[in-house]
Amino acid sequence: MTFYQRLIKELLPQVQDPRHVEAYLRLRYGTLDHLSREEFTEEGLISLEVIKADPKGAEKLAQSYGL
């Protein structure tokens, strides 16, 4: 589990697969170090909505990032 996946689990305990959230965050931002905890959480919540709408797409995206 990556540092970001652990952070996702800490900030968004409802997340079932943090790889999916990390993948969408990376799609939007590329690098994640510049996000504050608040921004990271907000963006994670947005990602969750996209994941719910297309779980198969979320898995494909995670795999494309090697997650």
N, C-alpha and C. Protein backbone atom coordinates (compact mmCIF):
# COMPACT_ATOMS: atom_id res chain seq x y z
N MET A 1 0.85 -1.17 0.00
CA MET A 1 0.00 0.00 0.00
C MET A 1 0.90 1.24 0.00
N THR A 2 0.61 2.19 -0.88
CA THR A 2 1.41 3.40 -0.98
C THR A 2 1.10 4.36 0.16
N PHE A 3 1.98 5.35 0.32
CA PHE A 3 1.75 6.40 1.32
C PHE A 3 0.38 7.04 1.09
N TYR A 4 0.06 7.35 -0.16
CA TYR A 4 -1.21 8.02 -0.46
C TYR A 4 -2.41 7.13 -0.19
N GLN A 5 -2.28 5.85 -0.44
CA GLN A 5 -3.38 4.93 -0.14
C GLN A 5 -3.63 4.86 1.36
N ARG A 6 -2.57 4.88 2.16
CA ARG A 6 -2.74 4.91 3.62
C ARG A 6 -3.41 6.21 4.07
N LEU A 7 -3.01 7.32 3.44
CA LEU A 7 -3.61 8.60 3.76
C LEU A 7 -5.09 8.62 3.37
N ILE A 8 -5.41 8.06 2.23
CA ILE A 8 -6.81 7.97 1.79
C ILE A 8 -7.62 7.18 2.80
N LYS A 9 -7.10 6.05 3.27
CA LYS A 9 -7.81 5.24 4.26
C LYS A 9 -8.00 6.01 5.57
N GLU A 10 -7.00 6.82 5.93
CA GLU A 10 -7.10 7.61 7.16
C GLU A 10 -8.15 8.72 7.03
N LEU A 11 -8.11 9.45 5.92
CA LEU A 11 -8.98 10.60 5.74
C LEU A 11 -10.37 10.23 5.25
N LEU A 12 -10.47 9.12 4.53
CA LEU A 12 -11.75 8.69 3.95
C LEU A 12 -11.96 7.21 4.26
N PRO A 13 -12.30 6.90 5.51
CA PRO A 13 -12.41 5.49 5.91
C PRO A 13 -13.49 4.70 5.16
N GLN A 14 -14.39 5.40 4.51
CA GLN A 14 -15.45 4.71 3.76
C GLN A 14 -14.96 4.14 2.43
N VAL A 15 -13.75 4.50 2.02
CA VAL A 15 -13.20 4.04 0.75
C VAL A 15 -12.91 2.54 0.82
N GLN A 16 -13.41 1.82 -0.18
CA GLN A 16 -13.19 0.38 -0.22
C GLN A 16 -11.86 0.03 -0.86
N ASP A 17 -11.49 0.73 -1.92
CA ASP A 17 -10.23 0.44 -2.61
C ASP A 17 -9.49 1.76 -2.84
N PRO A 18 -8.54 2.09 -1.98
CA PRO A 18 -7.86 3.39 -2.09
C PRO A 18 -7.05 3.54 -3.38
N ARG A 19 -6.75 2.44 -4.06
CA ARG A 19 -6.04 2.53 -5.35
C ARG A 19 -6.85 3.35 -6.34
N HIS A 20 -8.16 3.15 -6.31
CA HIS A 20 -9.03 3.86 -7.25
C HIS A 20 -9.00 5.36 -7.00
N VAL A 21 -9.08 5.75 -5.75
CA VAL A 21 -9.04 7.18 -5.42
C VAL A 21 -7.69 7.77 -5.81
N GLU A 22 -6.61 7.07 -5.47
CA GLU A 22 -5.28 7.56 -5.83
C GLU A 22 -5.17 7.73 -7.34
N ALA A 23 -5.69 6.80 -8.09
CA ALA A 23 -5.60 6.89 -9.56
C ALA A 23 -6.32 8.13 -10.08
N TYR A 24 -7.51 8.42 -9.57
CA TYR A 24 -8.23 9.61 -10.03
C TYR A 24 -7.54 10.89 -9.58
N LEU A 25 -6.95 10.89 -8.40
CA LEU A 25 -6.20 12.06 -7.96
C LEU A 25 -4.99 12.28 -8.88
N ARG A 26 -4.32 11.21 -9.25
CA ARG A 26 -3.16 11.33 -10.13
C ARG A 26 -3.58 11.76 -11.54
N LEU A 27 -4.74 11.31 -11.98
CA LEU A 27 -5.23 11.73 -13.29
C LEU A 27 -5.45 13.24 -13.32
N ARG A 28 -5.98 13.75 -12.24
CA ARG A 28 -6.28 15.18 -12.17
C ARG A 28 -5.03 16.03 -11.91
N TYR A 29 -4.16 15.56 -11.04
CA TYR A 29 -3.04 16.39 -10.59
C TYR A 29 -1.65 15.90 -10.99
N GLY A 30 -1.49 14.65 -11.31
CA GLY A 30 -0.15 14.13 -11.61
C GLY A 30 0.62 13.87 -10.33
N THR A 31 1.04 14.94 -9.65
CA THR A 31 1.69 14.79 -8.36
C THR A 31 0.72 15.27 -7.27
N LEU A 32 0.88 14.73 -6.08
CA LEU A 32 -0.10 14.99 -5.02
C LEU A 32 0.49 15.71 -3.82
N ASP A 33 1.80 15.89 -3.79
CA ASP A 33 2.46 16.47 -2.62
C ASP A 33 2.01 17.88 -2.29
N HIS A 34 1.55 18.62 -3.27
CA HIS A 34 1.19 20.02 -3.04
C HIS A 34 -0.19 20.20 -2.42
N LEU A 35 -0.99 19.13 -2.38
CA LEU A 35 -2.35 19.25 -1.84
C LEU A 35 -2.33 19.28 -0.32
N SER A 36 -3.09 20.21 0.26
CA SER A 36 -3.27 20.20 1.71
C SER A 36 -4.14 19.01 2.08
N ARG A 37 -4.19 18.68 3.35
CA ARG A 37 -5.05 17.57 3.79
C ARG A 37 -6.51 17.85 3.44
N GLU A 38 -6.91 19.10 3.57
CA GLU A 38 -8.30 19.47 3.25
C GLU A 38 -8.57 19.30 1.75
N GLU A 39 -7.65 19.78 0.92
CA GLU A 39 -7.82 19.62 -0.53
C GLU A 39 -7.80 18.15 -0.92
N PHE A 40 -6.89 17.41 -0.32
CA PHE A 40 -6.78 15.97 -0.60
C PHE A 40 -8.10 15.27 -0.26
N THR A 41 -8.68 15.62 0.88
CA THR A 41 -9.95 15.01 1.30
C THR A 41 -11.07 15.41 0.35
N GLU A 42 -11.17 16.69 0.02
CA GLU A 42 -12.22 17.16 -0.90
C GLU A 42 -12.11 16.47 -2.26
N GLU A 43 -10.91 16.40 -2.79
CA GLU A 43 -10.71 15.75 -4.08
C GLU A 43 -10.99 14.25 -4.00
N GLY A 44 -10.66 13.65 -2.88
CA GLY A 44 -10.97 12.24 -2.67
C GLY A 44 -12.46 11.99 -2.68
N LEU A 45 -13.23 12.88 -2.07
CA LEU A 45 -14.69 12.73 -2.06
C LEU A 45 -15.26 12.86 -3.47
N ILE A 46 -14.72 13.77 -4.24
CA ILE A 46 -15.16 13.91 -5.64
C ILE A 46 -14.83 12.63 -6.40
N SER A 47 -13.64 12.11 -6.18
CA SER A 47 -13.23 10.86 -6.84
C SER A 47 -14.18 9.72 -6.51
N LEU A 48 -14.62 9.67 -5.26
CA LEU A 48 -15.55 8.60 -4.85
C LEU A 48 -16.82 8.61 -5.68
N GLU A 49 -17.31 9.78 -6.01
CA GLU A 49 -18.53 9.87 -6.83
C GLU A 49 -18.29 9.32 -8.23
N VAL A 50 -17.13 9.61 -8.79
CA VAL A 50 -16.79 9.11 -10.12
C VAL A 50 -16.63 7.59 -10.07
N ILE A 51 -16.00 7.10 -9.02
CA ILE A 51 -15.79 5.65 -8.85
C ILE A 51 -17.12 4.93 -8.75
N LYS A 52 -18.05 5.49 -7.99
CA LYS A 52 -19.39 4.87 -7.85
C LYS A 52 -20.10 4.79 -9.20
N ALA A 53 -19.89 5.80 -10.03
CA ALA A 53 -20.55 5.83 -11.33
C ALA A 53 -19.96 4.82 -12.31
N ASP A 54 -18.67 4.50 -12.16
CA ASP A 54 -18.01 3.60 -13.11
C ASP A 54 -16.91 2.79 -12.42
N PRO A 55 -17.29 1.80 -11.60
CA PRO A 55 -16.27 1.02 -10.88
C PRO A 55 -15.30 0.27 -11.79
N LYS A 56 -15.78 -0.22 -12.92
CA LYS A 56 -14.87 -0.92 -13.84
C LYS A 56 -13.86 0.04 -14.44
N GLY A 57 -14.28 1.24 -14.75
CA GLY A 57 -13.37 2.25 -15.26
C GLY A 57 -12.33 2.64 -14.21
N ALA A 58 -12.76 2.68 -12.95
CA ALA A 58 -11.84 3.01 -11.87
C ALA A 58 -10.75 1.95 -11.75
N GLU A 59 -11.12 0.70 -11.88
CA GLU A 59 -10.13 -0.37 -11.81
C GLU A 59 -9.16 -0.30 -12.99
N LYS A 60 -9.68 -0.04 -14.18
CA LYS A 60 -8.81 0.10 -15.35
C LYS A 60 -7.83 1.25 -15.18
N LEU A 61 -8.31 2.37 -14.65
CA LEU A 61 -7.44 3.51 -14.44
C LEU A 61 -6.36 3.19 -13.41
N ALA A 62 -6.74 2.55 -12.31
CA ALA A 62 -5.75 2.17 -11.28
C ALA A 62 -4.68 1.27 -11.89
N GLN A 63 -5.09 0.31 -12.68
CA GLN A 63 -4.13 -0.59 -13.31
C GLN A 63 -3.21 0.16 -14.26
N SER A 64 -3.75 1.16 -14.94
CA SER A 64 -2.93 1.92 -15.89
C SER A 64 -1.81 2.69 -15.18
N TYR A 65 -2.02 3.00 -13.90
CA TYR A 65 -1.00 3.67 -13.10
C TYR A 65 -0.12 2.66 -12.35
N GLY A 66 -0.36 1.41 -12.56
CA GLY A 66 0.42 0.37 -11.87
C GLY A 66 0.05 0.24 -10.41
N LEU A 67 -1.17 0.61 -10.09
CA LEU A 67 -1.62 0.53 -8.69
C LEU A 67 -2.42 -0.73 -8.44
